[in-house]
């Protein structure tokens, strides 16, 4: 399986359960591993056959700013499902870190999903 990855992607969004979190933006750090057949674009040097990671990043930014989430789990599940559908990705491993949520620790969630 070939992987296109986007790691240490930082964005800000409104996320959190507590009332005070509903009025601020917080930083999230995402790591994505996306299954993508890299051989066809490599053999032809054709960008149209490659996964456009800039389009993936733009899509994530729009998604994150589209609504407020309470749980990282919800953010992760919905994002993974939408990325699979939009970009026709067979498999995704998504790790989301929320620095600052717990003093002296970085917490987050990690999920792996496959196309249905």
PDB file of N, CA and C in Angstrom:
ATOM      1  N   UNK A   1       0.849  -1.180   0.000  1.00  0.00           N
ATOM      2  CA  UNK A   1       0.000   0.000   0.000  1.00  0.00           C
ATOM      3  C   UNK A   1       0.890   1.238   0.000  1.00  0.00           C
ATOM      4  N   UNK A   2       0.609   2.145  -0.902  1.00  0.00           N
ATOM      5  CA  UNK A   2       1.318   3.427  -0.950  1.00  0.00           C
ATOM      6  C   UNK A   2       0.601   4.429  -0.052  1.00  0.00           C
ATOM      7  N   UNK A   3       1.369   5.321   0.523  1.00  0.00           N
ATOM      8  CA  UNK A   3       0.823   6.327   1.437  1.00  0.00           C
ATOM      9  C   UNK A   3       1.293   7.715   1.017  1.00  0.00           C
ATOM     10  N   UNK A   4       0.346   8.624   0.945  1.00  0.00           N
ATOM     11  CA  UNK A   4       0.646  10.053   0.866  1.00  0.00           C
ATOM     12  C   UNK A   4       0.366  10.585   2.260  1.00  0.00           C
ATOM     13  N   UNK A   5       1.333  11.290   2.838  1.00  0.00           N
ATOM     14  CA  UNK A   5       1.100  11.769   4.198  1.00  0.00           C
ATOM     15  C   UNK A   5       1.182  13.277   4.289  1.00  0.00           C
ATOM     16  N   UNK A   6       0.426  13.776   5.226  1.00  0.00           N
ATOM     17  CA  UNK A   6       0.432  15.181   5.620  1.00  0.00           C
ATOM     18  C   UNK A   6       0.565  15.153   7.136  1.00  0.00           C
ATOM     19  N   UNK A   7       1.709  15.565   7.653  1.00  0.00           N
ATOM     20  CA  UNK A   7       1.961  15.509   9.094  1.00  0.00           C
ATOM     21  C   UNK A   7       2.211  16.910   9.644  1.00  0.00           C
ATOM     22  N   UNK A   8       1.898  17.060  10.902  1.00  0.00           N
ATOM     23  CA  UNK A   8       2.125  18.322  11.629  1.00  0.00           C
ATOM     24  C   UNK A   8       1.386  19.497  10.999  1.00  0.00           C
ATOM     25  N   UNK A   9       0.207  19.215  10.449  1.00  0.00           N
ATOM     26  CA  UNK A   9      -0.622  20.269   9.865  1.00  0.00           C
ATOM     27  C   UNK A   9      -1.384  20.963  10.996  1.00  0.00           C
ATOM     28  N   UNK A  10      -1.097  22.237  11.196  1.00  0.00           N
ATOM     29  CA  UNK A  10      -1.716  23.011  12.272  1.00  0.00           C
ATOM     30  C   UNK A  10      -2.858  23.856  11.735  1.00  0.00           C
ATOM     31  N   UNK A  11      -3.946  23.870  12.501  1.00  0.00           N
ATOM     32  CA  UNK A  11      -5.065  24.742  12.180  1.00  0.00           C
ATOM     33  C   UNK A  11      -5.720  25.182  13.475  1.00  0.00           C
ATOM     34  N   UNK A  12      -6.521  26.208  13.396  1.00  0.00           N
ATOM     35  CA  UNK A  12      -7.284  26.643  14.556  1.00  0.00           C
ATOM     36  C   UNK A  12      -8.762  26.506  14.238  1.00  0.00           C
ATOM     37  N   UNK A  13      -9.507  26.142  15.258  1.00  0.00           N
ATOM     38  CA  UNK A  13     -10.945  25.963  15.099  1.00  0.00           C
ATOM     39  C   UNK A  13     -11.609  26.084  16.461  1.00  0.00           C
ATOM     40  N   UNK A  14     -12.912  26.222  16.447  1.00  0.00           N
ATOM     41  CA  UNK A  14     -13.661  26.221  17.700  1.00  0.00           C
ATOM     42  C   UNK A  14     -14.014  24.777  18.015  1.00  0.00           C
ATOM     43  N   UNK A  15     -13.455  24.287  19.103  1.00  0.00           N
ATOM     44  CA  UNK A  15     -13.684  22.898  19.506  1.00  0.00           C
ATOM     45  C   UNK A  15     -13.581  22.791  21.012  1.00  0.00           C
ATOM     46  N   UNK A  16     -14.489  22.047  21.595  1.00  0.00           N
ATOM     47  CA  UNK A  16     -14.437  21.814  23.029  1.00  0.00           C
ATOM     48  C   UNK A  16     -15.816  21.692  23.637  1.00  0.00           C
ATOM     49  N   UNK A  17     -15.848  21.045  24.770  1.00  0.00           N
ATOM     50  CA  UNK A  17     -17.091  20.770  25.480  1.00  0.00           C
ATOM     51  C   UNK A  17     -17.487  21.922  26.397  1.00  0.00           C
ATOM     52  N   UNK A  18     -16.500  22.572  26.990  1.00  0.00           N
ATOM     53  CA  UNK A  18     -16.783  23.590  27.990  1.00  0.00           C
ATOM     54  C   UNK A  18     -17.274  24.891  27.343  1.00  0.00           C
ATOM     55  N   UNK A  19     -18.131  25.610  28.067  1.00  0.00           N
ATOM     56  CA  UNK A  19     -18.733  26.834  27.544  1.00  0.00           C
ATOM     57  C   UNK A  19     -17.678  27.849  27.110  1.00  0.00           C
ATOM     58  N   UNK A  20     -16.606  27.979  27.882  1.00  0.00           N
ATOM     59  CA  UNK A  20     -15.577  28.954  27.524  1.00  0.00           C
ATOM     60  C   UNK A  20     -14.890  28.589  26.211  1.00  0.00           C
ATOM     61  N   UNK A  21     -14.882  27.299  25.855  1.00  0.00           N
ATOM     62  CA  UNK A  21     -14.258  26.867  24.602  1.00  0.00           C
ATOM     63  C   UNK A  21     -15.101  27.219  23.384  1.00  0.00           C
ATOM     64  N   UNK A  22     -16.362  27.493  23.603  1.00  0.00           N
ATOM     65  CA  UNK A  22     -17.264  27.817  22.496  1.00  0.00           C
ATOM     66  C   UNK A  22     -17.017  29.211  21.927  1.00  0.00           C
ATOM     67  N   UNK A  23     -16.196  29.984  22.593  1.00  0.00           N
ATOM     68  CA  UNK A  23     -15.977  31.370  22.182  1.00  0.00           C
ATOM     69  C   UNK A  23     -14.536  31.663  21.771  1.00  0.00           C
ATOM     70  N   UNK A  24     -13.724  30.631  21.701  1.00  0.00           N
ATOM     71  CA  UNK A  24     -12.330  30.841  21.309  1.00  0.00           C
ATOM     72  C   UNK A  24     -11.944  29.825  20.238  1.00  0.00           C
ATOM     73  N   UNK A  25     -10.865  30.125  19.559  1.00  0.00           N
ATOM     74  CA  UNK A  25     -10.307  29.151  18.628  1.00  0.00           C
ATOM     75  C   UNK A  25      -9.108  28.489  19.311  1.00  0.00           C
ATOM     76  N   UNK A  26      -8.976  27.192  19.075  1.00  0.00           N
ATOM     77  CA  UNK A  26      -7.884  26.430  19.648  1.00  0.00           C
ATOM     78  C   UNK A  26      -7.111  25.728  18.537  1.00  0.00           C
ATOM     79  N   UNK A  27      -5.854  25.489  18.828  1.00  0.00           N
ATOM     80  CA  UNK A  27      -4.998  24.851  17.834  1.00  0.00           C
ATOM     81  C   UNK A  27      -5.179  23.336  17.864  1.00  0.00           C
ATOM     82  N   UNK A  28      -5.252  22.755  16.675  1.00  0.00           N
ATOM     83  CA  UNK A  28      -5.203  21.315  16.494  1.00  0.00           C
ATOM     84  C   UNK A  28      -4.028  21.011  15.582  1.00  0.00           C
ATOM     85  N   UNK A  29      -3.416  19.856  15.776  1.00  0.00           N
ATOM     86  CA  UNK A  29      -2.333  19.397  14.909  1.00  0.00           C
ATOM     87  C   UNK A  29      -2.747  18.045  14.346  1.00  0.00           C
ATOM     88  N   UNK A  30      -2.780  17.960  13.026  1.00  0.00           N
ATOM     89  CA  UNK A  30      -3.241  16.759  12.356  1.00  0.00           C
ATOM     90  C   UNK A  30      -2.105  16.038  11.652  1.00  0.00           C
ATOM     91  N   UNK A  31      -2.138  14.720  11.747  1.00  0.00           N
ATOM     92  CA  UNK A  31      -1.283  13.843  10.951  1.00  0.00           C
ATOM     93  C   UNK A  31      -2.215  12.941  10.152  1.00  0.00           C
ATOM     94  N   UNK A  32      -2.042  12.934   8.847  1.00  0.00           N
ATOM     95  CA  UNK A  32      -2.859  12.098   7.981  1.00  0.00           C
ATOM     96  C   UNK A  32      -1.967  11.183   7.165  1.00  0.00           C
ATOM     97  N   UNK A  33      -2.322   9.916   7.119  1.00  0.00           N
ATOM     98  CA  UNK A  33      -1.715   8.944   6.218  1.00  0.00           C
ATOM     99  C   UNK A  33      -2.835   8.472   5.305  1.00  0.00           C
ATOM    100  N   UNK A  34      -2.688   8.735   4.017  1.00  0.00           N
ATOM    101  CA  UNK A  34      -3.745   8.472   3.048  1.00  0.00           C
ATOM    102  C   UNK A  34      -3.275   7.451   2.023  1.00  0.00           C
ATOM    103  N   UNK A  35      -3.985   6.334   1.932  1.00  0.00           N
ATOM    104  CA  UNK A  35      -3.630   5.314   0.944  1.00  0.00           C
ATOM    105  C   UNK A  35      -3.941   5.860  -0.446  1.00  0.00           C
ATOM    106  N   UNK A  36      -2.926   5.808  -1.290  1.00  0.00           N
ATOM    107  CA  UNK A  36      -3.076   6.326  -2.652  1.00  0.00           C
ATOM    108  C   UNK A  36      -2.110   5.569  -3.555  1.00  0.00           C
ATOM    109  N   UNK A  37      -2.594   5.101  -4.719  1.00  0.00           N
ATOM    110  CA  UNK A  37      -1.693   4.390  -5.640  1.00  0.00           C
ATOM    111  C   UNK A  37      -0.706   5.358  -6.289  1.00  0.00           C
ATOM    112  N   UNK A  38       0.517   5.372  -5.805  1.00  0.00           N
ATOM    113  CA  UNK A  38       1.522   6.317  -6.298  1.00  0.00           C
ATOM    114  C   UNK A  38       2.233   5.850  -7.567  1.00  0.00           C
ATOM    115  N   UNK A  39       2.098   4.598  -7.915  1.00  0.00           N
ATOM    116  CA  UNK A  39       2.793   4.086  -9.090  1.00  0.00           C
ATOM    117  C   UNK A  39       2.310   4.734 -10.391  1.00  0.00           C
ATOM    118  N   UNK A  40       1.008   4.852 -10.638  1.00  0.00           N
ATOM    119  CA  UNK A  40       0.572   5.477 -11.897  1.00  0.00           C
ATOM    120  C   UNK A  40       1.096   6.910 -12.101  1.00  0.00           C
ATOM    121  N   UNK A  41       0.994   7.795 -11.103  1.00  0.00           N
ATOM    122  CA  UNK A  41       1.556   9.122 -11.336  1.00  0.00           C
ATOM    123  C   UNK A  41       3.085   9.105 -11.459  1.00  0.00           C
ATOM    124  N   UNK A  42       3.740   8.193 -10.741  1.00  0.00           N
ATOM    125  CA  UNK A  42       5.199   8.108 -10.819  1.00  0.00           C
ATOM    126  C   UNK A  42       5.664   7.646 -12.194  1.00  0.00           C
ATOM    127  N   UNK A  43       4.936   6.713 -12.783  1.00  0.00           N
ATOM    128  CA  UNK A  43       5.322   6.183 -14.088  1.00  0.00           C
ATOM    129  C   UNK A  43       5.115   7.197 -15.209  1.00  0.00           C
ATOM    130  N   UNK A  44       4.100   8.045 -15.051  1.00  0.00           N
ATOM    131  CA  UNK A  44       3.763   8.987 -16.120  1.00  0.00           C
ATOM    132  C   UNK A  44       4.180  10.421 -15.814  1.00  0.00           C
ATOM    133  N   UNK A  45       4.573  10.668 -14.563  1.00  0.00           N
ATOM    134  CA  UNK A  45       4.896  12.021 -14.109  1.00  0.00           C
ATOM    135  C   UNK A  45       3.715  12.966 -14.337  1.00  0.00           C
ATOM    136  N   UNK A  46       2.500  12.426 -14.129  1.00  0.00           N
ATOM    137  CA  UNK A  46       1.257  13.166 -14.384  1.00  0.00           C
ATOM    138  C   UNK A  46       0.627  13.584 -13.061  1.00  0.00           C
ATOM    139  N   UNK A  47       0.603  14.871 -12.821  1.00  0.00           N
ATOM    140  CA  UNK A  47       0.040  15.415 -11.586  1.00  0.00           C
ATOM    141  C   UNK A  47      -1.436  15.065 -11.429  1.00  0.00           C
ATOM    142  N   UNK A  48      -2.145  14.868 -12.515  1.00  0.00           N
ATOM    143  CA  UNK A  48      -3.577  14.572 -12.461  1.00  0.00           C
ATOM    144  C   UNK A  48      -3.871  13.185 -11.884  1.00  0.00           C
ATOM    145  N   UNK A  49      -2.861  12.338 -11.835  1.00  0.00           N
ATOM    146  CA  UNK A  49      -3.025  11.005 -11.264  1.00  0.00           C
ATOM    147  C   UNK A  49      -2.608  10.950  -9.793  1.00  0.00           C
ATOM    148  N   UNK A  50      -1.984  12.004  -9.331  1.00  0.00           N
ATOM    149  CA  UNK A  50      -1.499  12.060  -7.952  1.00  0.00           C
ATOM    150  C   UNK A  50      -2.580  12.635  -7.034  1.00  0.00           C
ATOM    151  N   UNK A  51      -2.475  12.316  -5.758  1.00  0.00           N
ATOM    152  CA  UNK A  51      -3.370  12.920  -4.777  1.00  0.00           C
ATOM    153  C   UNK A  51      -2.895  14.353  -4.534  1.00  0.00           C
ATOM    154  N   UNK A  52      -3.780  15.294  -4.707  1.00  0.00           N
ATOM    155  CA  UNK A  52      -3.454  16.712  -4.550  1.00  0.00           C
ATOM    156  C   UNK A  52      -3.513  17.071  -3.067  1.00  0.00           C
ATOM    157  N   UNK A  53      -2.368  16.997  -2.396  1.00  0.00           N
ATOM    158  CA  UNK A  53      -2.379  17.246  -0.953  1.00  0.00           C
ATOM    159  C   UNK A  53      -2.698  18.690  -0.621  1.00  0.00           C
ATOM    160  N   UNK A  54      -2.455  19.626  -1.532  1.00  0.00           N
ATOM    161  CA  UNK A  54      -2.866  21.004  -1.252  1.00  0.00           C
ATOM    162  C   UNK A  54      -4.386  21.121  -1.253  1.00  0.00           C
ATOM    163  N   UNK A  55      -5.057  20.364  -2.110  1.00  0.00           N
ATOM    164  CA  UNK A  55      -6.525  20.347  -2.119  1.00  0.00           C
ATOM    165  C   UNK A  55      -7.057  19.683  -0.851  1.00  0.00           C
ATOM    166  N   UNK A  56      -6.361  18.657  -0.373  1.00  0.00           N
ATOM    167  CA  UNK A  56      -6.757  17.996   0.877  1.00  0.00           C
ATOM    168  C   UNK A  56      -6.657  18.981   2.040  1.00  0.00           C
ATOM    169  N   UNK A  57      -5.555  19.705   2.118  1.00  0.00           N
ATOM    170  CA  UNK A  57      -5.353  20.683   3.192  1.00  0.00           C
ATOM    171  C   UNK A  57      -6.415  21.782   3.122  1.00  0.00           C
ATOM    172  N   UNK A  58      -6.686  22.282   1.945  1.00  0.00           N
ATOM    173  CA  UNK A  58      -7.710  23.321   1.788  1.00  0.00           C
ATOM    174  C   UNK A  58      -9.072  22.802   2.232  1.00  0.00           C
ATOM    175  N   UNK A  59      -9.398  21.572   1.863  1.00  0.00           N
ATOM    176  CA  UNK A  59     -10.665  20.967   2.249  1.00  0.00           C
ATOM    177  C   UNK A  59     -10.763  20.869   3.780  1.00  0.00           C
ATOM    178  N   UNK A  60      -9.679  20.463   4.428  1.00  0.00           N
ATOM    179  CA  UNK A  60      -9.671  20.350   5.889  1.00  0.00           C
ATOM    180  C   UNK A  60      -9.873  21.709   6.542  1.00  0.00           C
ATOM    181  N   UNK A  61      -9.231  22.735   6.013  1.00  0.00           N
ATOM    182  CA  UNK A  61      -9.393  24.083   6.565  1.00  0.00           C
ATOM    183  C   UNK A  61     -10.840  24.553   6.461  1.00  0.00           C
ATOM    184  N   UNK A  62     -11.462  24.304   5.324  1.00  0.00           N
ATOM    185  CA  UNK A  62     -12.867  24.684   5.147  1.00  0.00           C
ATOM    186  C   UNK A  62     -13.751  23.889   6.100  1.00  0.00           C
ATOM    187  N   UNK A  63     -13.496  22.601   6.199  1.00  0.00           N
ATOM    188  CA  UNK A  63     -14.252  21.748   7.111  1.00  0.00           C
ATOM    189  C   UNK A  63     -14.143  22.252   8.548  1.00  0.00           C
ATOM    190  N   UNK A  64     -12.932  22.548   9.002  1.00  0.00           N
ATOM    191  CA  UNK A  64     -12.704  22.974  10.381  1.00  0.00           C
ATOM    192  C   UNK A  64     -13.371  24.307  10.699  1.00  0.00           C
ATOM    193  N   UNK A  65     -13.511  25.162   9.705  1.00  0.00           N
ATOM    194  CA  UNK A  65     -14.122  26.477   9.941  1.00  0.00           C
ATOM    195  C   UNK A  65     -15.639  26.470   9.694  1.00  0.00           C
ATOM    196  N   UNK A  66     -16.162  25.347   9.227  1.00  0.00           N
ATOM    197  CA  UNK A  66     -17.580  25.304   8.842  1.00  0.00           C
ATOM    198  C   UNK A  66     -18.532  25.200  10.021  1.00  0.00           C
ATOM    199  N   UNK A  67     -18.056  24.663  11.128  1.00  0.00           N
ATOM    200  CA  UNK A  67     -18.919  24.531  12.303  1.00  0.00           C
ATOM    201  C   UNK A  67     -18.084  24.285  13.545  1.00  0.00           C
ATOM    202  N   UNK A  68     -18.735  24.376  14.679  1.00  0.00           N
ATOM    203  CA  UNK A  68     -18.054  24.128  15.956  1.00  0.00           C
ATOM    204  C   UNK A  68     -18.302  22.686  16.372  1.00  0.00           C
ATOM    205  N   UNK A  69     -17.252  22.043  16.821  1.00  0.00           N
ATOM    206  CA  UNK A  69     -17.346  20.683  17.326  1.00  0.00           C
ATOM    207  C   UNK A  69     -17.083  20.688  18.819  1.00  0.00           C
ATOM    208  N   UNK A  70     -17.711  19.771  19.532  1.00  0.00           N
ATOM    209  CA  UNK A  70     -17.401  19.612  20.944  1.00  0.00           C
ATOM    210  C   UNK A  70     -16.295  18.584  21.125  1.00  0.00           C
ATOM    211  N   UNK A  71     -16.400  17.452  20.445  1.00  0.00           N
ATOM    212  CA  UNK A  71     -15.459  16.358  20.660  1.00  0.00           C
ATOM    213  C   UNK A  71     -14.486  16.192  19.502  1.00  0.00           C
ATOM    214  N   UNK A  72     -13.232  15.913  19.839  1.00  0.00           N
ATOM    215  CA  UNK A  72     -12.254  15.550  18.811  1.00  0.00           C
ATOM    216  C   UNK A  72     -12.701  14.296  18.067  1.00  0.00           C
ATOM    217  N   UNK A  73     -13.344  13.390  18.782  1.00  0.00           N
ATOM    218  CA  UNK A  73     -13.819  12.150  18.178  1.00  0.00           C
ATOM    219  C   UNK A  73     -14.792  12.422  17.038  1.00  0.00           C
ATOM    220  N   UNK A  74     -15.704  13.362  17.242  1.00  0.00           N
ATOM    221  CA  UNK A  74     -16.669  13.720  16.205  1.00  0.00           C
ATOM    222  C   UNK A  74     -15.965  14.383  15.031  1.00  0.00           C
ATOM    223  N   UNK A  75     -15.076  15.306  15.326  1.00  0.00           N
ATOM    224  CA  UNK A  75     -14.291  15.975  14.294  1.00  0.00           C
ATOM    225  C   UNK A  75     -13.557  14.940  13.443  1.00  0.00           C
ATOM    226  N   UNK A  76     -12.894  13.993  14.098  1.00  0.00           N
ATOM    227  CA  UNK A  76     -12.101  12.978  13.395  1.00  0.00           C
ATOM    228  C   UNK A  76     -12.979  12.085  12.520  1.00  0.00           C
ATOM    229  N   UNK A  77     -14.062  11.581  13.079  1.00  0.00           N
ATOM    230  CA  UNK A  77     -14.941  10.670  12.332  1.00  0.00           C
ATOM    231  C   UNK A  77     -15.534  11.349  11.098  1.00  0.00           C
ATOM    232  N   UNK A  78     -16.048  12.549  11.291  1.00  0.00           N
ATOM    233  CA  UNK A  78     -16.674  13.251  10.165  1.00  0.00           C
ATOM    234  C   UNK A  78     -15.648  13.633   9.112  1.00  0.00           C
ATOM    235  N   UNK A  79     -14.488  14.094   9.535  1.00  0.00           N
ATOM    236  CA  UNK A  79     -13.457  14.471   8.582  1.00  0.00           C
ATOM    237  C   UNK A  79     -12.983  13.265   7.787  1.00  0.00           C
ATOM    238  N   UNK A  80     -12.718  12.165   8.460  1.00  0.00           N
ATOM    239  CA  UNK A  80     -12.249  10.957   7.768  1.00  0.00           C
ATOM    240  C   UNK A  80     -13.272  10.500   6.723  1.00  0.00           C
ATOM    241  N   UNK A  81     -14.532  10.467   7.096  1.00  0.00           N
ATOM    242  CA  UNK A  81     -15.579  10.031   6.158  1.00  0.00           C
ATOM    243  C   UNK A  81     -15.655  10.952   4.942  1.00  0.00           C
ATOM    244  N   UNK A  82     -15.569  12.239   5.170  1.00  0.00           N
ATOM    245  CA  UNK A  82     -15.645  13.194   4.059  1.00  0.00           C
ATOM    246  C   UNK A  82     -14.423  13.110   3.147  1.00  0.00           C
ATOM    247  N   UNK A  83     -13.234  12.943   3.731  1.00  0.00           N
ATOM    248  CA  UNK A  83     -12.024  12.819   2.909  1.00  0.00           C
ATOM    249  C   UNK A  83     -12.073  11.562   2.046  1.00  0.00           C
ATOM    250  N   UNK A  84     -12.514  10.456   2.616  1.00  0.00           N
ATOM    251  CA  UNK A  84     -12.636   9.211   1.858  1.00  0.00           C
ATOM    252  C   UNK A  84     -13.572   9.408   0.674  1.00  0.00           C
ATOM    253  N   UNK A  85     -14.702  10.047   0.935  1.00  0.00           N
ATOM    254  CA  UNK A  85     -15.701  10.254  -0.124  1.00  0.00           C
ATOM    255  C   UNK A  85     -15.221  11.250  -1.181  1.00  0.00           C
ATOM    256  N   UNK A  86     -14.745  12.394  -0.738  1.00  0.00           N
ATOM    257  CA  UNK A  86     -14.378  13.471  -1.667  1.00  0.00           C
ATOM    258  C   UNK A  86     -13.194  13.107  -2.555  1.00  0.00           C
ATOM    259  N   UNK A  87     -12.184  12.459  -1.978  1.00  0.00           N
ATOM    260  CA  UNK A  87     -10.953  12.195  -2.720  1.00  0.00           C
ATOM    261  C   UNK A  87     -10.800  10.726  -3.145  1.00  0.00           C
ATOM    262  N   UNK A  88     -11.825   9.932  -2.873  1.00  0.00           N
ATOM    263  CA  UNK A  88     -11.825   8.518  -3.259  1.00  0.00           C
ATOM    264  C   UNK A  88     -10.617   7.785  -2.664  1.00  0.00           C
ATOM    265  N   UNK A  89     -10.411   8.005  -1.382  1.00  0.00           N
ATOM    266  CA  UNK A  89      -9.294   7.409  -0.652  1.00  0.00           C
ATOM    267  C   UNK A  89      -9.744   6.065  -0.089  1.00  0.00           C
ATOM    268  N   UNK A  90      -8.917   5.046  -0.263  1.00  0.00           N
ATOM    269  CA  UNK A  90      -9.259   3.700   0.205  1.00  0.00           C
ATOM    270  C   UNK A  90      -9.111   3.554   1.719  1.00  0.00           C
ATOM    271  N   UNK A  91      -8.122   4.233   2.297  1.00  0.00           N
ATOM    272  CA  UNK A  91      -7.798   4.073   3.713  1.00  0.00           C
ATOM    273  C   UNK A  91      -7.211   5.378   4.230  1.00  0.00           C
ATOM    274  N   UNK A  92      -7.562   5.691   5.467  1.00  0.00           N
ATOM    275  CA  UNK A  92      -7.010   6.883   6.111  1.00  0.00           C
ATOM    276  C   UNK A  92      -6.667   6.567   7.562  1.00  0.00           C
ATOM    277  N   UNK A  93      -5.518   7.051   7.963  1.00  0.00           N
ATOM    278  CA  UNK A  93      -5.133   7.049   9.374  1.00  0.00           C
ATOM    279  C   UNK A  93      -5.035   8.516   9.757  1.00  0.00           C
ATOM    280  N   UNK A  94      -5.819   8.919  10.725  1.00  0.00           N
ATOM    281  CA  UNK A  94      -5.916  10.318  11.120  1.00  0.00           C
ATOM    282  C   UNK A  94      -5.627  10.446  12.605  1.00  0.00           C
ATOM    283  N   UNK A  95      -4.641  11.263  12.916  1.00  0.00           N
ATOM    284  CA  UNK A  95      -4.281  11.553  14.303  1.00  0.00           C
ATOM    285  C   UNK A  95      -4.487  13.047  14.522  1.00  0.00           C
ATOM    286  N   UNK A  96      -5.222  13.384  15.577  1.00  0.00           N
ATOM    287  CA  UNK A  96      -5.474  14.790  15.901  1.00  0.00           C
ATOM    288  C   UNK A  96      -5.012  15.036  17.325  1.00  0.00           C
ATOM    289  N   UNK A  97      -4.121  16.003  17.470  1.00  0.00           N
ATOM    290  CA  UNK A  97      -3.621  16.401  18.783  1.00  0.00           C
ATOM    291  C   UNK A  97      -4.202  17.765  19.141  1.00  0.00           C
ATOM    292  N   UNK A  98      -4.479  17.939  20.425  1.00  0.00           N
ATOM    293  CA  UNK A  98      -5.001  19.210  20.929  1.00  0.00           C
ATOM    294  C   UNK A  98      -4.055  19.696  22.031  1.00  0.00           C
ATOM    295  N   UNK A  99      -2.987  20.387  21.618  1.00  0.00           N
ATOM    296  CA  UNK A  99      -2.034  20.868  22.628  1.00  0.00           C
ATOM    297  C   UNK A  99      -2.697  21.908  23.526  1.00  0.00           C
ATOM    298  N   UNK A 100      -2.347  21.871  24.780  1.00  0.00           N
ATOM    299  CA  UNK A 100      -2.911  22.843  25.711  1.00  0.00           C
ATOM    300  C   UNK A 100      -4.183  22.374  26.394  1.00  0.00           C
ATOM    301  N   UNK A 101      -4.745  21.251  25.971  1.00  0.00           N
ATOM    302  CA  UNK A 101      -5.975  20.762  26.598  1.00  0.00           C
ATOM    303  C   UNK A 101      -5.719  20.261  28.015  1.00  0.00           C
ATOM    304  N   UNK A 102      -4.552  19.653  28.209  1.00  0.00           N
ATOM    305  CA  UNK A 102      -4.144  19.146  29.517  1.00  0.00           C
ATOM    306  C   UNK A 102      -2.744  19.694  29.798  1.00  0.00           C
ATOM    307  N   UNK A 103      -2.566  20.218  30.994  1.00  0.00           N
ATOM    308  CA  UNK A 103      -1.263  20.773  31.354  1.00  0.00           C
ATOM    309  C   UNK A 103      -0.204  19.673  31.328  1.00  0.00           C
ATOM    310  N   UNK A 104       0.938  19.995  30.727  1.00  0.00           N
ATOM    311  CA  UNK A 104       2.096  19.101  30.661  1.00  0.00           C
ATOM    312  C   UNK A 104       1.862  17.834  29.850  1.00  0.00           C
ATOM    313  N   UNK A 105       0.923  17.891  28.904  1.00  0.00           N
ATOM    314  CA  UNK A 105       0.663  16.725  28.057  1.00  0.00           C
ATOM    315  C   UNK A 105       0.053  17.184  26.742  1.00  0.00           C
ATOM    316  N   UNK A 106       0.207  16.354  25.745  1.00  0.00           N
ATOM    317  CA  UNK A 106      -0.509  16.556  24.490  1.00  0.00           C
ATOM    318  C   UNK A 106      -1.481  15.400  24.362  1.00  0.00           C
ATOM    319  N   UNK A 107      -2.740  15.712  24.202  1.00  0.00           N
ATOM    320  CA  UNK A 107      -3.777  14.689  24.102  1.00  0.00           C
ATOM    321  C   UNK A 107      -4.415  14.734  22.725  1.00  0.00           C
ATOM    322  N   UNK A 108      -5.116  13.686  22.397  1.00  0.00           N
ATOM    323  CA  UNK A 108      -5.798  13.667  21.112  1.00  0.00           C
ATOM    324  C   UNK A 108      -6.432  12.322  20.835  1.00  0.00           C
ATOM    325  N   UNK A 109      -6.774  12.121  19.575  1.00  0.00           N
ATOM    326  CA  UNK A 109      -7.376  10.869  19.130  1.00  0.00           C
ATOM    327  C   UNK A 109      -6.689  10.424  17.852  1.00  0.00           C
ATOM    328  N   UNK A 110      -6.766   9.131  17.610  1.00  0.00           N
ATOM    329  CA  UNK A 110      -6.259   8.578  16.360  1.00  0.00           C
ATOM    330  C   UNK A 110      -7.255   7.523  15.891  1.00  0.00           C
ATOM    331  N   UNK A 111      -7.615   7.602  14.604  1.00  0.00           N
ATOM    332  CA  UNK A 111      -8.532   6.617  14.037  1.00  0.00           C
ATOM    333  C   UNK A 111      -7.976   6.115  12.711  1.00  0.00           C
ATOM    334  N   UNK A 112      -8.411   4.945  12.327  1.00  0.00           N
ATOM    335  CA  UNK A 112      -8.106   4.384  11.024  1.00  0.00           C
ATOM    336  C   UNK A 112      -9.427   3.939  10.412  1.00  0.00           C
ATOM    337  N   UNK A 113      -9.666   4.359   9.182  1.00  0.00           N
ATOM    338  CA  UNK A 113     -10.914   4.032   8.501  1.00  0.00           C
ATOM    339  C   UNK A 113     -10.632   3.605   7.067  1.00  0.00           C
ATOM    340  N   UNK A 114     -11.498   2.748   6.569  1.00  0.00           N
ATOM    341  CA  UNK A 114     -11.416   2.264   5.189  1.00  0.00           C
ATOM    342  C   UNK A 114     -12.684   2.637   4.443  1.00  0.00           C
ATOM    343  N   UNK A 115     -12.532   2.748   3.140  1.00  0.00           N
ATOM    344  CA  UNK A 115     -13.672   3.011   2.279  1.00  0.00           C
ATOM    345  C   UNK A 115     -14.643   1.851   2.406  1.00  0.00           C
ATOM    346  N   UNK A 116     -15.905   2.160   2.529  1.00  0.00           N
ATOM    347  CA  UNK A 116     -16.940   1.104   2.687  1.00  0.00           C
ATOM    348  C   UNK A 116     -17.168   0.362   1.382  1.00  0.00           C
TER     349      UNK A 116
END
